[in-house]
Amino acid sequence: MVKARFHIGQLIEHNLFGYRGVVVGVDSRFNHTDSWYESVAKSRPPKDKP
């Protein structure tokens, strides 16, 4: 089991890209397509560490 670093409702800011957000849910594993990952995930987070 993977323990989440953030909790629902927490305000966050990306360290490298500076975008801000609110945690609305936590997934235990990556479920999007590889094409989504390549086009959207600028920071290339590891897929096995949600």
Protein backbone atom coordinates (compact mmCIF):
# COMPACT_ATOMS: atom_id res chain seq x y z
CA MET A 1 0.00 0.00 0.00
CA VAL A 2 1.24 3.49 -0.89
CA LYS A 3 0.70 6.27 1.65
CA ALA A 4 -0.39 9.60 0.13
CA ARG A 5 1.79 12.64 0.84
CA PHE A 6 -1.17 15.01 0.60
CA HIS A 7 -4.73 15.01 1.92
CA ILE A 8 -8.00 15.93 0.26
CA GLY A 9 -8.65 19.66 0.52
CA GLN A 10 -4.97 20.56 0.90
CA LEU A 11 -3.73 23.60 -1.06
CA ILE A 12 -0.61 22.77 -3.03
CA GLU A 13 1.96 24.54 -5.23
CA HIS A 14 4.25 22.73 -7.66
CA ASN A 15 7.89 23.32 -6.68
CA LEU A 16 9.28 23.46 -10.21
CA PHE A 17 6.47 24.88 -12.37
CA GLY A 18 4.66 27.01 -9.77
CA TYR A 19 1.11 25.96 -10.57
CA ARG A 20 -1.27 25.89 -7.65
CA GLY A 21 -4.16 23.60 -6.90
CA VAL A 22 -6.33 21.80 -4.41
CA VAL A 23 -6.17 18.06 -3.84
CA VAL A 24 -9.57 16.63 -4.77
CA GLY A 25 -8.72 12.94 -4.71
CA VAL A 26 -5.94 10.39 -4.38
CA ASP A 27 -5.35 7.42 -6.68
CA SER A 28 -3.41 4.42 -5.53
CA ARG A 29 -1.94 3.95 -9.02
CA PHE A 30 -1.64 5.72 -12.37
CA ASN A 31 -4.72 5.05 -14.53
CA HIS A 32 -4.45 7.49 -17.45
CA THR A 33 -3.16 6.61 -20.91
CA ASP A 34 0.47 7.02 -21.93
CA SER A 35 -0.58 9.70 -24.45
CA TRP A 36 -2.18 11.75 -21.65
CA TYR A 37 0.98 11.41 -19.57
CA GLU A 38 3.21 12.56 -22.44
CA SER A 39 1.02 15.57 -23.31
CA VAL A 40 0.02 16.82 -19.86
CA ALA A 41 2.44 15.71 -17.16
CA LYS A 42 5.18 18.33 -17.64
CA SER A 43 7.13 17.28 -14.59
CA ARG A 44 7.12 13.56 -15.56
CA PRO A 45 6.27 12.23 -12.09
CA PRO A 46 6.85 8.51 -11.68
CA LYS A 47 3.73 6.53 -12.60
CA ASP A 48 4.19 4.18 -9.66
CA LYS A 49 4.25 6.99 -7.07
CA PRO A 50 0.91 8.81 -7.20
